[in-house]
Amino acid sequence: QVQLVESGGGLVEAGGSLRLSCAASGRTFSSYAMGWFRQAPGKEREFVGAIRWSADNTYYGDSVKGRFTISRDNAKNTVYLQMNSLKPEDTAVYYCAAAYTAQPMGLLDQPYRYNYWGQGTQVTVSS
């Protein structure tokens, strides 16, 4: 079993920054990649980005490219989402997820590719 715990959410003004963390525990050694998704009220879950544990491959959704950066600390089993130049439309609950199957990065934008999910953290961007 794997537990994922997100933190770092909060309220920020437009143009500001936040850094989210996702700490993984449990059966983490065989995890292939980690992803970030978000979901706003009344909308479908949206892919934000993904990163492999064993390489620097990253993959981002179009709406966050150039503004958000995913990084990882393997020693801490933690993945980060640095969010800059935040916009009101970035307001959502942000979830991290773990994928245990090796697959092309380009396929990791689909929620069903992931095996475990965190509980989410709220990010609110005021205009």
Foldseek 3Di string as FASTA:
>chain_A
DKAWAKDWADEEAAQAKTKMKIFMDDPLPQWFKKFKWWDDPPDDIFGAKMAGPPDGDIDGDPVQPPFWDWDDDNVRNMIMIIGGRDDQVVWTWMKMFTARDDDDRVVVRDPVRTDDIHPTDTHGYHD
